[in-house]
């Protein structure tokens, strides 16, 4: 039986993660299991269903993966026992036995910083995610995220805009791009980055799979940046996992009137490093000697990057593009691609309805106007 057949079989063994498997091996090479008798396997602690799978692998399932590997270029299966398995991922408490990969598999060994945050991010949060990801990629760091809507998508996009590398860790098999709105983004990532999943290619998305994905996002990375996260956001799970894995945790602060950054502020009170630019991240990672020095002026080089995006959770584009910090009228007009006169007229209506407030230099969104 070929090595690929064997690692795929090991991955199918029920109730047996990597560390339990290593305990059962008692110093043996994992691939020696396939030469042992039923009695010898039982003496090592394998149960009847596990022994049956080892001795009678499901060849149809294995053949399907072999077919998947040949259907498109740059598809790989990396096992825990391979030399090219990412060493940082081996350090976590529950490393995946297999990684199904498509793209530049060498990026598994690149210095990485993860970025996570709200799926229903504000325009300000999206711009911040793009800017920080862009600057990380420009300094040779691979940006890792989960291909979700909102902050994840902006993290991948920012890295791609810098002609840099990005890794998308998926919560389903690589045959299904989720959400569907990111099919185009995933295609771009394949050209210069990497798609990764611990799930077999045909596994479809399920809610229970995404928390498992999070431990890989943080496990591959030197640190995790949280851009926008509510008080009970799933992004806080990734931050907690990063802390447990002895990774750096960074949090971007925001307006106290923005409920979507409450989780970031909570992380900061718990010891996460407050960051406002990529310089703060590089300062913390300098001892790894993996990135070039930040050039003078780079810290603010992308502070004024704006994109004409509308928040998914807000129907009114003018409200969506008004931040919880003071936002100038001409900036709102530029984001919405509207005339200043039209924007001012609508802002007046929003102010009368209590959704925005006029401030020196522009307008701010009122807390609760989401």
Protein backbone atom coordinates (compact mmCIF):
# COMPACT_ATOMS: atom_id res chain seq x y z
CA UNK A 1 0.00 0.00 0.00
CA UNK A 2 1.39 3.38 -0.96
CA UNK A 3 2.13 6.03 1.64
CA UNK A 4 -0.78 8.21 0.45
CA UNK A 5 -3.19 5.31 0.90
CA UNK A 6 -1.84 4.75 4.39
CA UNK A 7 -2.09 8.34 5.65
CA UNK A 8 -5.60 8.65 4.23
CA UNK A 9 -6.55 5.45 6.04
CA UNK A 10 -5.07 6.72 9.30
CA UNK A 11 -7.10 9.91 8.95
CA UNK A 12 -10.29 7.87 8.71
CA UNK A 13 -9.70 5.99 11.97
CA UNK A 14 -12.55 6.93 14.36
CA UNK A 15 -11.91 8.51 17.76
CA UNK A 16 -8.21 8.87 17.09
CA UNK A 17 -6.44 12.22 16.75
CA UNK A 18 -2.74 12.70 16.15
CA UNK A 19 -1.64 12.49 19.78
CA UNK A 20 -3.73 9.42 20.56
CA UNK A 21 -2.31 7.81 17.46
CA UNK A 22 1.24 8.60 18.60
CA UNK A 23 0.47 7.08 22.01
CA UNK A 24 -0.81 3.91 20.37
CA UNK A 25 2.33 3.65 18.24
CA UNK A 26 4.59 3.37 21.31
CA UNK A 27 7.60 4.46 19.27
CA UNK A 28 6.73 2.55 16.12
CA UNK A 29 6.65 4.19 12.71
CA UNK A 30 3.02 4.93 11.82
CA UNK A 31 3.35 3.06 8.54
CA UNK A 32 4.42 -0.14 10.30
CA UNK A 33 0.83 -0.49 11.53
CA UNK A 34 -0.14 -1.86 8.14
CA UNK A 35 2.23 -4.82 8.59
CA UNK A 36 0.88 -5.88 12.00
CA UNK A 37 -1.61 -8.63 12.77
CA UNK A 38 -4.98 -8.02 14.39
CA UNK A 39 -3.63 -9.30 17.72
CA UNK A 40 -0.61 -6.99 17.58
CA UNK A 41 -2.84 -3.99 16.77
CA UNK A 42 -5.15 -4.90 19.65
CA UNK A 43 -2.17 -5.08 22.01
CA UNK A 44 -1.27 -1.53 20.98
CA UNK A 45 -4.74 -0.37 22.05
CA UNK A 46 -6.62 -0.19 18.75
CA UNK A 47 -10.29 -1.19 18.92
CA UNK A 48 -12.13 -3.51 16.55
CA UNK A 49 -13.44 -0.79 14.18
CA UNK A 50 -10.00 0.82 13.94
CA UNK A 51 -8.33 -2.52 13.25
CA UNK A 52 -10.90 -3.30 10.57
CA UNK A 53 -10.19 0.00 8.80
CA UNK A 54 -6.42 -0.50 8.96
CA UNK A 55 -6.72 -3.94 7.42
CA UNK A 56 -9.56 -3.17 5.01
CA UNK A 57 -9.29 0.49 3.92
CA UNK A 58 -12.21 2.07 2.00
CA UNK A 59 -10.55 2.05 -1.40
CA UNK A 60 -13.37 3.96 -3.07
CA UNK A 61 -12.88 6.98 -0.77
CA UNK A 62 -9.12 6.84 -1.21
CA UNK A 63 -9.45 6.58 -4.99
CA UNK A 64 -11.66 9.69 -4.96
CA UNK A 65 -8.85 11.68 -3.31
CA UNK A 66 -6.32 10.33 -5.80
CA UNK A 67 -8.62 11.50 -8.59
CA UNK A 68 -8.96 14.92 -6.94
CA UNK A 69 -5.17 15.28 -6.82
CA UNK A 70 -4.87 14.77 -10.58
CA UNK A 71 -7.84 16.88 -11.71
CA UNK A 72 -6.04 20.22 -11.30
CA UNK A 73 -2.41 21.27 -10.88
CA UNK A 74 -0.76 22.12 -7.56
CA UNK A 75 -2.93 19.91 -5.40
CA UNK A 76 -1.27 18.19 -2.46
CA UNK A 77 -1.97 16.12 0.64
CA UNK A 78 0.48 16.94 3.45
CA UNK A 79 0.53 14.60 6.46
CA UNK A 80 1.79 15.12 10.00
CA UNK A 81 4.54 12.62 9.22
CA UNK A 82 5.86 14.51 6.18
CA UNK A 83 8.94 16.75 6.27
CA UNK A 84 6.97 19.63 4.74
CA UNK A 85 4.31 19.67 7.48
CA UNK A 86 4.42 23.18 9.03
CA UNK A 87 6.45 22.99 12.28
CA UNK A 88 4.42 25.67 14.09
CA UNK A 89 1.24 23.67 13.50
CA UNK A 90 2.85 20.61 15.08
CA UNK A 91 3.13 22.57 18.34
CA UNK A 92 -0.62 23.00 18.92
CA UNK A 93 -2.62 20.68 21.18
CA UNK A 94 -4.66 19.08 18.38
CA UNK A 95 -2.82 19.32 15.05
CA UNK A 96 -4.64 17.95 12.00
CA UNK A 97 -3.24 14.70 10.67
CA UNK A 98 -3.75 15.83 7.07
CA UNK A 99 -3.78 19.11 5.19
CA UNK A 100 -5.41 19.16 1.77
CA UNK A 101 -3.76 21.97 -0.18
CA UNK A 102 -4.07 23.71 -3.51
CA UNK A 103 -1.71 26.42 -4.70
CA UNK A 104 1.78 27.33 -3.47
CA UNK A 105 2.30 24.66 -0.81
CA UNK A 106 5.68 26.20 0.09
CA UNK A 107 3.79 29.00 1.86
CA UNK A 108 3.09 26.59 4.72
CA UNK A 109 6.64 27.38 5.84
CA UNK A 110 6.46 31.13 5.24
CA UNK A 111 6.28 33.54 8.21
CA UNK A 112 2.57 34.16 8.69
CA UNK A 113 0.33 36.55 10.59
CA UNK A 114 -3.37 35.70 10.82
CA UNK A 115 -6.16 38.24 10.60
CA UNK A 116 -9.73 37.66 11.80
CA UNK A 117 -12.80 39.74 12.56
CA UNK A 118 -16.46 40.38 11.95
CA UNK A 119 -18.24 38.97 8.92
CA UNK A 120 -20.56 42.00 8.94
CA UNK A 121 -17.71 44.51 9.23
CA UNK A 122 -18.07 48.27 9.01
CA UNK A 123 -16.50 50.17 6.13
CA UNK A 124 -13.86 51.44 8.53
CA UNK A 125 -13.04 47.91 9.70
CA UNK A 126 -12.74 46.67 6.12
CA UNK A 127 -10.38 49.47 5.17
CA UNK A 128 -8.27 48.85 8.25
CA UNK A 129 -8.03 45.13 7.48
CA UNK A 130 -6.99 45.80 3.90
CA UNK A 131 -4.41 48.37 4.92
CA UNK A 132 -2.75 46.22 7.59
CA UNK A 133 -2.81 43.10 5.39
CA UNK A 134 -1.36 45.09 2.48
CA UNK A 135 1.50 46.37 4.63
CA UNK A 136 2.20 42.95 6.17
CA UNK A 137 2.42 41.39 2.72
CA UNK A 138 4.61 44.24 1.49
CA UNK A 139 7.06 43.37 4.26
CA UNK A 140 7.26 39.71 3.28
CA UNK A 141 4.73 38.25 5.71
CA UNK A 142 2.08 35.85 4.46
CA UNK A 143 -1.42 36.89 5.58
CA UNK A 144 -3.52 33.94 6.78
CA UNK A 145 -7.28 34.03 7.27
CA UNK A 146 -10.44 31.98 6.84
CA UNK A 147 -11.98 33.16 3.53
CA UNK A 148 -15.13 34.28 5.36
CA UNK A 149 -17.05 37.41 4.41
CA UNK A 150 -16.04 40.72 5.98
CA UNK A 151 -12.63 41.05 7.63
CA UNK A 152 -11.29 37.71 6.34
CA UNK A 153 -12.01 38.63 2.73
CA UNK A 154 -10.44 42.07 3.17
CA UNK A 155 -7.33 40.52 4.71
CA UNK A 156 -6.85 38.26 1.68
CA UNK A 157 -7.62 41.15 -0.69
CA UNK A 158 -5.15 43.50 1.00
CA UNK A 159 -2.34 40.95 0.68
CA UNK A 160 -3.16 40.31 -2.98
CA UNK A 161 -3.24 44.06 -3.69
CA UNK A 162 0.35 44.24 -2.40
CA UNK A 163 1.36 41.42 -4.76
CA UNK A 164 2.00 39.41 -1.62
CA UNK A 165 1.13 35.94 -0.36
CA UNK A 166 -1.99 34.82 1.47
CA UNK A 167 -3.32 31.52 2.82
CA UNK A 168 -7.04 30.77 3.14
CA UNK A 169 -7.86 28.05 5.68
CA UNK A 170 -11.29 26.67 4.86
CA UNK A 171 -13.95 25.13 7.07
CA UNK A 172 -15.01 22.65 4.39
CA UNK A 173 -13.44 20.60 1.61
CA UNK A 174 -11.62 22.40 -1.19
CA UNK A 175 -14.23 21.36 -3.75
CA UNK A 176 -16.66 23.85 -2.17
CA UNK A 177 -15.84 27.54 -1.92
CA UNK A 178 -17.79 29.05 0.98
CA UNK A 179 -19.28 31.59 0.94
CA UNK A 180 -20.12 31.47 -2.76
CA UNK A 181 -19.49 35.20 -3.01
CA UNK A 182 -15.78 34.44 -2.55
CA UNK A 183 -15.39 32.11 -5.53
CA UNK A 184 -13.58 34.83 -7.48
CA UNK A 185 -11.35 35.70 -4.51
CA UNK A 186 -10.44 32.05 -4.02
CA UNK A 187 -9.46 31.83 -7.68
CA UNK A 188 -7.13 34.82 -7.25
CA UNK A 189 -5.62 33.28 -4.12
CA UNK A 190 -4.77 30.15 -6.09
CA UNK A 191 -2.64 32.24 -8.46
CA UNK A 192 -0.40 33.62 -5.72
CA UNK A 193 -1.36 31.92 -2.47
CA UNK A 194 -2.72 28.71 -1.00
CA UNK A 195 -6.05 27.13 -0.08
CA UNK A 196 -5.85 24.75 2.89
CA UNK A 197 -8.31 22.43 4.64
CA UNK A 198 -8.14 19.50 7.02
CA UNK A 199 -11.42 18.26 5.54
CA UNK A 200 -11.54 15.83 2.63
CA UNK A 201 -12.30 17.57 -0.70
CA UNK A 202 -15.99 16.61 -0.90
CA UNK A 203 -16.91 17.65 2.66
CA UNK A 204 -19.56 20.39 2.51
CA UNK A 205 -19.77 23.35 4.96
CA UNK A 206 -21.26 22.74 8.42
CA UNK A 207 -21.34 25.16 11.35
CA UNK A 208 -19.44 22.77 13.64
CA UNK A 209 -16.46 22.68 11.27
CA UNK A 210 -15.55 26.37 11.42
CA UNK A 211 -14.36 26.48 15.05
CA UNK A 212 -12.04 23.58 14.17
CA UNK A 213 -10.73 25.63 11.26
CA UNK A 214 -9.83 28.47 13.64
CA UNK A 215 -7.15 26.48 15.49
CA UNK A 216 -5.34 25.98 12.18
CA UNK A 217 -5.56 29.68 11.27
CA UNK A 218 -3.84 30.60 14.54
CA UNK A 219 -1.63 27.50 14.63
CA UNK A 220 0.04 28.33 11.32
CA UNK A 221 0.80 31.89 12.39
CA UNK A 222 3.25 33.82 14.54
CA UNK A 223 0.39 35.99 15.75
CA UNK A 224 -3.28 36.85 15.22
CA UNK A 225 -4.66 40.32 14.47
CA UNK A 226 -8.29 40.95 15.49
CA UNK A 227 -9.69 43.91 13.55
CA UNK A 228 -13.37 44.03 14.48
CA UNK A 229 -15.07 41.66 16.91
CA UNK A 230 -18.19 42.03 19.01
CA UNK A 231 -18.20 41.03 22.65
CA UNK A 232 -19.23 37.44 21.84
CA UNK A 233 -17.63 37.14 18.42
CA UNK A 234 -16.25 33.88 17.06
CA UNK A 235 -13.04 35.79 16.37
CA UNK A 236 -12.42 35.82 20.12
CA UNK A 237 -12.24 32.02 19.96
CA UNK A 238 -9.38 32.30 17.49
CA UNK A 239 -7.68 34.86 19.75
CA UNK A 240 -8.05 32.52 22.73
CA UNK A 241 -6.63 29.62 20.75
CA UNK A 242 -3.70 31.81 19.68
CA UNK A 243 -2.99 32.67 23.30
CA UNK A 244 -3.14 29.00 24.30
CA UNK A 245 -0.74 28.21 21.45
CA UNK A 246 1.72 30.86 22.74
CA UNK A 247 1.14 33.06 19.70
CA UNK A 248 1.05 36.85 19.77
CA UNK A 249 -2.42 38.43 19.93
CA UNK A 250 -2.96 41.90 18.45
CA UNK A 251 -6.15 43.94 18.57
CA UNK A 252 -7.16 47.07 16.65
CA UNK A 253 -9.02 49.57 18.86
CA UNK A 254 -12.00 51.59 17.70
CA UNK A 255 -14.67 53.99 18.82
CA UNK A 256 -16.39 53.17 22.12
CA UNK A 257 -19.63 53.84 20.24
CA UNK A 258 -18.98 50.97 17.83
CA UNK A 259 -20.33 47.71 19.31
CA UNK A 260 -18.35 45.74 16.75
CA UNK A 261 -15.04 46.53 18.46
CA UNK A 262 -16.12 45.66 22.00
CA UNK A 263 -14.36 42.32 21.67
CA UNK A 264 -11.13 44.02 20.59
CA UNK A 265 -11.23 46.29 23.62
CA UNK A 266 -11.86 43.25 25.81
CA UNK A 267 -8.79 41.53 24.36
CA UNK A 268 -6.67 44.62 25.03
CA UNK A 269 -7.70 44.64 28.70
CA UNK A 270 -6.72 40.96 28.83
CA UNK A 271 -3.22 41.64 27.52
CA UNK A 272 -3.48 41.72 23.73
CA UNK A 273 -1.20 44.28 22.12
CA UNK A 274 -3.03 47.38 20.90
CA UNK A 275 -2.01 48.17 17.33
CA UNK A 276 -2.75 51.04 14.97
CA UNK A 277 -0.44 50.09 12.08
CA UNK A 278 1.77 47.30 10.81
CA UNK A 279 4.74 48.92 12.56
CA UNK A 280 3.29 47.81 15.90
CA UNK A 281 3.15 44.21 14.68
CA UNK A 282 6.64 44.22 13.20
CA UNK A 283 8.00 45.66 16.43
CA UNK A 284 6.61 42.68 18.32
CA UNK A 285 7.91 40.17 15.76
CA UNK A 286 11.39 41.67 15.28
CA UNK A 287 13.02 38.94 17.39
CA UNK A 288 11.99 36.35 14.79
CA UNK A 289 14.31 38.11 12.31
CA UNK A 290 11.90 37.22 9.52
CA UNK A 291 10.85 40.59 8.12
CA UNK A 292 12.69 43.59 6.79
CA UNK A 293 12.75 46.83 8.72
CA UNK A 294 9.82 49.17 8.28
CA UNK A 295 10.83 52.12 6.10
CA UNK A 296 10.30 55.63 7.45
CA UNK A 297 6.90 56.83 6.35
CA UNK A 298 5.47 53.36 5.78
CA UNK A 299 3.46 53.53 9.00
CA UNK A 300 1.04 56.01 7.49
CA UNK A 301 1.50 55.24 3.83
CA UNK A 302 -1.90 53.61 3.50
CA UNK A 303 -3.88 55.47 6.15
CA UNK A 304 -6.03 57.15 3.52
CA UNK A 305 -6.90 54.06 1.52
CA UNK A 306 -10.66 53.95 0.97
CA UNK A 307 -12.82 51.57 -1.00
CA UNK A 308 -16.29 52.07 -2.42
CA UNK A 309 -17.87 49.23 -0.47
CA UNK A 310 -21.19 49.05 1.29
CA UNK A 311 -21.66 47.22 4.55
CA UNK A 312 -23.58 44.00 4.04
CA UNK A 313 -25.71 44.66 7.12
CA UNK A 314 -26.79 48.23 6.28
CA UNK A 315 -29.15 48.97 3.39
CA UNK A 316 -28.41 52.72 3.21
CA UNK A 317 -25.00 53.20 1.50
CA UNK A 318 -24.46 56.63 3.07
CA UNK A 319 -25.05 55.27 6.58
CA UNK A 320 -22.86 52.27 5.76
CA UNK A 321 -19.99 54.54 4.75
CA UNK A 322 -20.24 56.80 7.78
CA UNK A 323 -17.99 55.52 10.54
CA UNK A 324 -18.25 55.56 14.30
CA UNK A 325 -15.40 58.07 14.14
CA UNK A 326 -15.78 61.48 12.47
CA UNK A 327 -16.03 60.95 8.71
CA UNK A 328 -15.69 63.90 6.33
CA UNK A 329 -18.56 64.54 3.90
CA UNK A 330 -16.27 64.42 0.85
CA UNK A 331 -14.91 61.06 2.03
CA UNK A 332 -18.45 59.66 2.32
CA UNK A 333 -19.25 61.01 -1.15
CA UNK A 334 -16.10 59.40 -2.57
CA UNK A 335 -16.87 56.05 -0.97
CA UNK A 336 -20.44 56.06 -2.29
CA UNK A 337 -19.59 57.59 -5.67
CA UNK A 338 -22.25 60.28 -5.12
CA UNK A 339 -22.28 64.06 -5.30
CA UNK A 340 -21.64 66.00 -2.11
CA UNK A 341 -25.02 67.71 -2.49
CA UNK A 342 -26.83 64.38 -2.56
CA UNK A 343 -24.83 63.10 0.42
CA UNK A 344 -25.52 66.24 2.49
CA UNK A 345 -29.22 65.95 1.78
CA UNK A 346 -29.31 62.34 2.93
CA UNK A 347 -27.11 63.03 5.98
CA UNK A 348 -29.60 65.66 7.12
CA UNK A 349 -32.39 63.07 6.99
CA UNK A 350 -30.24 60.55 8.87
CA UNK A 351 -29.43 63.18 11.51
CA UNK A 352 -33.12 64.02 11.98
CA UNK A 353 -33.85 60.31 12.47
CA UNK A 354 -31.09 60.04 15.08
CA UNK A 355 -28.80 57.73 13.10
CA UNK A 356 -25.87 60.13 12.60
CA UNK A 357 -24.59 63.21 14.39
CA UNK A 358 -22.94 66.29 12.91
CA UNK A 359 -19.45 66.94 14.28
CA UNK A 360 -16.64 69.40 13.49
CA UNK A 361 -15.12 68.00 10.30
CA UNK A 362 -17.93 65.62 9.34
CA UNK A 363 -20.43 63.12 10.72
CA UNK A 364 -20.36 60.08 13.00
CA UNK A 365 -22.74 57.17 13.16
CA UNK A 366 -24.73 56.90 16.39
CA UNK A 367 -24.30 53.74 18.42
CA UNK A 368 -27.14 51.37 17.61
CA UNK A 369 -27.49 52.60 14.01
CA UNK A 370 -26.32 49.33 12.47
